[in-house]
Protein backbone atom coordinates (compact mmCIF):
# COMPACT_ATOMS: atom_id res chain seq x y z
CA UNK A 1 74.74 55.18 104.37
CA UNK A 2 73.81 56.99 107.64
CA UNK A 3 72.33 55.79 110.86
CA UNK A 4 68.83 55.15 109.51
CA UNK A 5 69.94 53.37 106.31
CA UNK A 6 68.23 50.19 107.59
CA UNK A 7 64.93 52.03 107.29
CA UNK A 8 65.38 52.45 103.52
CA UNK A 9 64.00 49.55 101.52
CA UNK A 10 65.00 49.21 97.90
CA UNK A 11 62.49 47.47 95.65
CA UNK A 12 62.47 46.79 91.91
CA UNK A 13 59.14 46.66 90.14
CA UNK A 14 58.27 45.29 86.71
CA UNK A 15 54.93 47.01 86.36
CA UNK A 16 53.46 45.02 83.48
CA UNK A 17 50.15 45.17 81.63
CA UNK A 18 49.45 41.52 82.47
CA UNK A 19 51.64 40.83 85.59
CA UNK A 20 53.46 42.84 88.19
CA UNK A 21 56.66 41.40 89.65
CA UNK A 22 58.42 42.94 92.66
CA UNK A 23 61.98 42.07 93.70
CA UNK A 24 63.17 42.80 97.21
CA UNK A 25 66.52 41.63 98.65
CA UNK A 26 67.32 39.86 95.33
CA UNK A 27 64.20 37.70 95.65
CA UNK A 28 60.91 37.75 93.75
CA UNK A 29 58.48 38.56 96.59
CA UNK A 30 55.41 39.45 94.53
CA UNK A 31 54.37 37.92 91.20
CA UNK A 32 50.70 38.75 90.64
CA UNK A 33 48.34 39.64 87.76
CA UNK A 34 47.97 43.42 87.33
CA UNK A 35 44.30 43.62 88.18
CA UNK A 36 42.14 45.15 90.91
CA UNK A 37 38.58 44.28 92.04
CA UNK A 38 36.51 47.23 93.36
CA UNK A 39 33.12 47.79 94.89
CA UNK A 40 31.27 50.09 92.46
CA UNK A 41 29.29 52.01 95.07
CA UNK A 42 32.01 52.79 97.58
CA UNK A 43 35.10 52.39 95.39
CA UNK A 44 36.54 50.13 98.12
CA UNK A 45 39.26 47.65 97.11
CA UNK A 46 38.04 44.05 97.46
CA UNK A 47 41.03 42.24 96.01
CA UNK A 48 44.18 42.63 93.96
CA UNK A 49 46.34 40.22 91.96
CA UNK A 50 45.40 36.54 91.82
CA UNK A 51 42.23 36.92 93.90
CA UNK A 52 40.98 39.74 91.64
CA UNK A 53 41.89 37.69 88.55
CA UNK A 54 39.72 34.84 89.78
CA UNK A 55 36.80 37.30 89.83
CA UNK A 56 37.55 38.71 86.34
CA UNK A 57 34.61 38.12 83.99
CA UNK A 58 32.51 36.64 86.82
CA UNK A 59 31.38 39.71 88.73
CA UNK A 60 27.88 41.00 89.60
CA UNK A 61 26.81 44.62 89.15
CA UNK A 62 28.29 45.90 92.45
CA UNK A 63 31.79 44.57 91.76
CA UNK A 64 34.02 45.53 88.84
CA UNK A 65 37.48 44.35 87.92
CA UNK A 66 39.92 46.87 86.52
CA UNK A 67 43.21 46.37 84.76
CA UNK A 68 44.98 49.66 85.56
CA UNK A 69 47.53 49.28 82.74
CA UNK A 70 46.81 49.18 79.05
CA UNK A 71 49.45 48.93 76.35
CA UNK A 72 52.18 49.14 78.96
CA UNK A 73 51.03 52.47 80.41
CA UNK A 74 48.74 53.52 83.24
CA UNK A 75 45.16 53.89 82.02
CA UNK A 76 43.49 54.19 85.43
CA UNK A 77 45.60 56.29 87.75
CA UNK A 78 43.71 55.65 91.00
CA UNK A 79 43.51 51.88 90.53
CA UNK A 80 47.21 51.73 89.67
CA UNK A 81 48.05 53.56 92.87
CA UNK A 82 45.82 51.19 94.90
CA UNK A 83 47.39 48.20 93.19
CA UNK A 84 50.99 49.28 93.79
CA UNK A 85 50.15 50.10 97.43
CA UNK A 86 48.56 46.67 98.03
CA UNK A 87 51.44 44.83 96.35
CA UNK A 88 53.97 46.72 98.50
CA UNK A 89 51.99 45.63 101.59
CA UNK A 90 52.61 41.98 100.51
CA UNK A 91 56.35 42.49 101.02
CA UNK A 92 57.48 41.53 104.46
CA UNK A 93 59.96 44.32 105.14
CA UNK A 94 60.74 42.85 108.55
CA UNK A 95 60.22 46.11 110.46
CA UNK A 96 56.77 46.96 111.72
CA UNK A 97 57.82 49.63 114.25
CA UNK A 98 58.89 52.26 111.67
CA UNK A 99 57.44 52.20 108.15
CA UNK A 100 60.42 52.01 105.77
CA UNK A 101 61.38 54.67 103.28
CA UNK A 102 60.90 53.12 99.84
CA UNK A 103 63.38 53.56 97.03
CA UNK A 104 62.03 52.11 93.77
CA UNK A 105 63.23 51.33 90.30
CA UNK A 106 60.30 50.72 87.94
CA UNK A 107 60.65 49.58 84.35
CA UNK A 108 58.65 51.29 81.60
CA UNK A 109 58.18 50.75 77.84
CA UNK A 110 60.77 52.56 75.75
CA UNK A 111 58.13 54.23 73.54
CA UNK A 112 56.04 55.96 76.21
CA UNK A 113 55.57 59.77 76.40
CA UNK A 114 56.76 62.04 79.17
CA UNK A 115 53.19 62.41 80.43
CA UNK A 116 52.88 58.59 80.70
CA UNK A 117 56.27 58.45 82.49
CA UNK A 118 55.05 61.09 84.93
CA UNK A 119 51.90 58.99 85.63
CA UNK A 120 54.07 55.99 86.61
CA UNK A 121 56.21 58.16 88.92
CA UNK A 122 53.17 59.84 90.47
CA UNK A 123 51.42 56.51 91.11
CA UNK A 124 54.49 55.14 92.85
CA UNK A 125 54.95 58.29 94.93
CA UNK A 126 51.27 58.26 95.94
CA UNK A 127 51.75 54.61 96.96
CA UNK A 128 54.47 55.63 99.38
CA UNK A 129 57.77 55.78 97.43
CA UNK A 130 60.19 58.53 98.35
CA UNK A 131 62.65 58.02 95.50
CA UNK A 132 61.47 56.67 92.12
CA UNK A 133 63.74 55.94 89.17
CA UNK A 134 62.66 54.54 85.80
CA UNK A 135 64.46 52.15 83.47
CA UNK A 136 63.41 51.17 79.96
CA UNK A 137 62.14 47.61 79.56
CA UNK A 138 64.50 46.47 76.77
CA UNK A 139 67.50 47.68 78.82
CA UNK A 140 66.20 45.85 81.92
CA UNK A 141 65.53 42.74 79.81
CA UNK A 142 69.11 42.83 78.41
CA UNK A 143 70.57 43.14 81.91
CA UNK A 144 68.29 40.35 83.16
CA UNK A 145 69.29 38.02 80.32
CA UNK A 146 72.93 38.46 81.31
CA UNK A 147 74.17 40.67 78.46
CA UNK A 148 76.99 43.09 79.39
CA UNK A 149 75.20 46.24 78.25
CA UNK A 150 78.21 48.50 78.96
CA UNK A 151 80.38 46.77 76.33
CA UNK A 152 80.89 48.41 72.87
CA UNK A 153 79.05 45.43 71.29
CA UNK A 154 75.62 45.63 69.68
CA UNK A 155 72.86 43.39 71.00
CA UNK A 156 69.25 43.25 69.87
CA UNK A 157 66.61 42.49 72.49
CA UNK A 158 62.90 41.84 71.84
CA UNK A 159 60.65 42.00 74.90
CA UNK A 160 57.10 40.84 74.11
CA UNK A 161 54.92 41.64 77.10
CA UNK A 162 51.16 41.92 77.64
CA UNK A 163 50.63 45.39 76.20
CA UNK A 164 53.74 46.26 74.17
CA UNK A 165 56.51 44.61 72.19
CA UNK A 166 59.83 46.41 72.70
CA UNK A 167 62.57 45.97 70.12
CA UNK A 168 65.86 47.65 70.89
CA UNK A 169 69.48 47.65 69.83
CA UNK A 170 71.72 48.21 72.84
CA UNK A 171 75.39 49.18 73.01
CA UNK A 172 77.66 51.10 75.43
CA UNK A 173 74.99 51.18 78.10
CA UNK A 174 72.41 52.94 75.97
CA UNK A 175 69.60 52.25 73.51
CA UNK A 176 70.92 53.04 70.02
CA UNK A 177 67.57 52.59 68.31
CA UNK A 178 64.30 51.18 69.43
CA UNK A 179 60.87 50.34 68.19
CA UNK A 180 57.95 50.05 70.59
CA UNK A 181 54.71 48.70 69.18
CA UNK A 182 51.45 48.17 70.97
CA UNK A 183 50.94 44.65 69.66
CA UNK A 184 51.62 41.96 72.26
CA UNK A 185 49.97 39.27 74.47
CA UNK A 186 46.67 41.11 74.92
CA UNK A 187 46.30 41.36 71.15
CA UNK A 188 46.93 37.62 70.80
CA UNK A 189 44.08 37.06 73.31
CA UNK A 190 41.73 39.38 71.35
CA UNK A 191 42.62 37.54 68.09
CA UNK A 192 41.70 34.22 69.76
CA UNK A 193 38.41 35.59 71.11
CA UNK A 194 37.45 36.94 67.67
CA UNK A 195 38.43 33.69 65.92
CA UNK A 196 36.29 31.64 68.32
CA UNK A 197 33.34 33.93 67.68
CA UNK A 198 33.63 33.92 63.90
CA UNK A 199 34.83 30.39 63.25
CA UNK A 200 33.16 28.34 65.97
CA UNK A 201 30.16 30.57 66.94
CA UNK A 202 31.29 30.46 70.55
CA UNK A 203 31.78 33.42 72.87
CA UNK A 204 34.68 33.10 75.32
CA UNK A 205 36.17 35.49 77.90
CA UNK A 206 39.61 37.02 78.23
CA UNK A 207 40.79 34.44 80.75
CA UNK A 208 39.78 31.52 78.51
CA UNK A 209 41.56 33.14 75.53
CA UNK A 210 44.73 33.44 77.68
CA UNK A 211 44.41 29.77 78.65
CA UNK A 212 44.08 28.72 74.99
CA UNK A 213 47.19 30.76 74.12
CA UNK A 214 49.17 29.05 76.87
CA UNK A 215 47.91 25.52 76.16
CA UNK A 216 47.91 25.41 72.35
CA UNK A 217 49.23 28.81 71.15
CA UNK A 218 51.80 28.70 68.38
CA UNK A 219 53.51 31.03 65.90
CA UNK A 220 53.79 28.41 63.18
CA UNK A 221 51.30 25.73 62.03
CA UNK A 222 54.06 23.06 61.96
CA UNK A 223 55.96 22.99 65.22
CA UNK A 224 57.97 20.39 67.07
CA UNK A 225 56.27 18.80 70.14
CA UNK A 226 52.72 19.58 69.04
CA UNK A 227 50.52 19.99 72.15
CA UNK A 228 47.32 17.94 72.56
CA UNK A 229 44.07 19.50 71.34
CA UNK A 230 42.50 21.69 73.99
CA UNK A 231 38.85 21.66 75.12
CA UNK A 232 37.35 25.15 75.10
CA UNK A 233 34.15 25.97 77.01
CA UNK A 234 32.03 29.00 76.20
CA UNK A 235 28.58 30.19 75.23
CA UNK A 236 27.03 29.15 71.91
CA UNK A 237 26.13 32.33 69.97
CA UNK A 238 23.06 30.74 68.36
CA UNK A 239 21.45 28.88 71.24
CA UNK A 240 23.01 30.70 74.22
CA UNK A 241 23.73 27.30 75.80
CA UNK A 242 27.24 26.57 77.16
CA UNK A 243 29.19 24.19 74.91
CA UNK A 244 32.60 22.61 74.41
CA UNK A 245 34.75 22.58 71.27
CA UNK A 246 38.26 21.28 70.63
CA UNK A 247 40.97 23.52 69.16
CA UNK A 248 44.49 22.65 67.98
CA UNK A 249 47.77 24.55 67.71
CA UNK A 250 47.66 24.82 63.88
CA UNK A 251 44.41 26.82 63.85
CA UNK A 252 45.59 29.10 66.71
CA UNK A 253 48.81 29.70 64.74
CA UNK A 254 46.76 30.86 61.72
CA UNK A 255 44.72 33.07 64.08
CA UNK A 256 47.79 34.78 65.50
CA UNK A 257 49.51 35.18 62.14
CA UNK A 258 48.48 38.80 61.49
CA UNK A 259 49.63 40.09 64.89
CA UNK A 260 52.93 38.21 64.73
CA UNK A 261 53.52 39.58 61.21
CA UNK A 262 53.32 43.13 62.68
CA UNK A 263 55.99 42.20 65.27
CA UNK A 264 58.13 40.74 62.47
CA UNK A 265 57.77 43.94 60.44
CA UNK A 266 58.84 46.04 63.47
CA UNK A 267 61.91 43.76 63.96
CA UNK A 268 62.90 44.18 60.32
CA UNK A 269 62.36 47.94 60.59
CA UNK A 270 64.60 48.12 63.70
CA UNK A 271 67.29 46.13 61.84
CA UNK A 272 67.12 48.55 58.91
CA UNK A 273 67.72 51.50 61.24
CA UNK A 274 70.74 49.90 62.93
CA UNK A 275 74.21 51.38 62.22
CA UNK A 276 76.30 49.01 60.07
CA UNK A 277 78.98 48.28 62.73
CA UNK A 278 76.25 47.23 65.17
CA UNK A 279 74.55 45.15 62.45
CA UNK A 280 77.81 43.18 62.16
CA UNK A 281 77.70 42.56 65.93
CA UNK A 282 74.05 41.43 65.80
CA UNK A 283 74.92 39.00 63.00
CA UNK A 284 77.40 37.39 65.43
CA UNK A 285 75.40 37.63 68.67
CA UNK A 286 71.89 37.04 67.28
CA UNK A 287 68.58 38.30 68.72
CA UNK A 288 67.48 37.80 72.35
CA UNK A 289 63.83 37.22 73.24
CA UNK A 290 62.28 38.03 76.62
CA UNK A 291 58.79 38.58 78.06
CA UNK A 292 55.83 36.21 78.29
CA UNK A 293 55.11 36.47 74.55
CA UNK A 294 58.49 34.91 73.72
CA UNK A 295 57.21 31.64 75.20
CA UNK A 296 54.80 31.22 72.27
CA UNK A 297 55.67 27.92 70.62
CA UNK A 298 57.68 28.29 67.40
CA UNK A 299 58.15 32.09 67.66
CA UNK A 300 61.94 31.77 67.79
CA UNK A 301 61.84 29.51 64.70
CA UNK A 302 59.56 31.93 62.83
CA UNK A 303 61.82 34.95 63.59
CA UNK A 304 64.84 32.89 62.52
CA UNK A 305 63.17 32.11 59.17
CA UNK A 306 62.37 35.82 58.68
CA UNK A 307 65.73 37.35 59.76
CA UNK A 308 68.14 34.44 59.10
CA UNK A 309 69.73 35.33 62.48
CA UNK A 310 70.17 33.07 65.49
CA UNK A 311 67.42 33.59 68.09
CA UNK A 312 68.00 33.03 71.82
CA UNK A 313 65.04 32.81 74.21
CA UNK A 314 65.91 34.04 77.71
CA UNK A 315 65.95 31.61 80.61
CA UNK A 316 62.69 32.27 82.53
CA UNK A 317 61.60 34.97 80.01
CA UNK A 318 58.67 36.06 82.18
CA UNK A 319 60.98 37.36 84.83
CA UNK A 320 63.92 38.59 82.73
CA UNK A 321 62.80 42.25 82.90
CA UNK A 322 62.18 42.09 86.65
CA UNK A 323 65.58 40.45 87.22
CA UNK A 324 67.30 43.16 85.17
CA UNK A 325 65.49 45.88 87.11
CA UNK A 326 66.67 44.25 90.36
CA UNK A 327 70.27 44.09 89.12
CA UNK A 328 70.13 47.75 88.01
CA UNK A 329 68.80 48.70 91.46
CA UNK A 330 71.57 46.77 93.22
CA UNK A 331 74.28 48.28 91.04
CA UNK A 332 72.93 51.79 91.19
CA UNK A 333 76.35 53.43 90.82
CA UNK A 334 77.38 51.26 87.86
CA UNK A 335 74.12 51.82 85.98
CA UNK A 336 73.42 55.44 86.97
CA UNK A 337 73.22 56.64 83.41
CA UNK A 338 70.72 53.91 82.51
CA UNK A 339 68.13 54.99 84.99
CA UNK A 340 66.02 58.11 84.63
């Protein structure tokens, strides 16, 4: 540990397409949308996280909002670096005299390329990290859910985030087979925007689509505890005048059907590729769901109908991956072979 060990700060980051969560000292210290607001002329950062999200879709020509991550990977390198740096500043490390040495574990989608991995590492290093390790999202989700990943028992984990859906079979501390598809929460939002335009002749923004998904989103037309109809405000395509329409969960379920079918197909494909002994384990243990997308009403029921397996939704699915990343960081020696 050495004399200056107190100057080393260990942080776990779930760098998500939609939200970034940072864990420090076993506590969630940052939980903010992954978005940056910049001044176009100077490139100066105006806001990050929640403040930048409030500006999203409402900016004038000298301000632009950027989401640095797309489909789970860094699309805008400089903005990602700014964003990570600003989020790290939000952590009260309790020592202002000497800036701490940062040791980070960041989780990444299991299907990304080496170049994309390098971009994540470089962004973190540019933002001030001295030691950066990476862990795959499904593995982090499994640890966060509470599965003993080191056991010789097969477990299937589905992590539906903002940019990617990760489906993995885990045993003996490794990913036996995995399927990473770029269909997730952002695609659900796009489906809702398109449906509103075609069906109701109303143009809505990304934030409104997200709100509709949260308030009345569903994976099946007939669900238990049907939410109340939701009032949507947008611009009428014909007159250009703002208007209000009501939407219900059954029509949103039909809207999302195509995207959810692609996730179902990927799950079935992953099950087909699973070795028979692990298939027997999965029959007993069922499938675990994590990530914000798993909170979609009726999704567990729909997957159960499709696979005939028991489906378990993680407790606090939004933070399961971040929790797992934090546990992996804390037990660095135990999970050394999990972390790149």
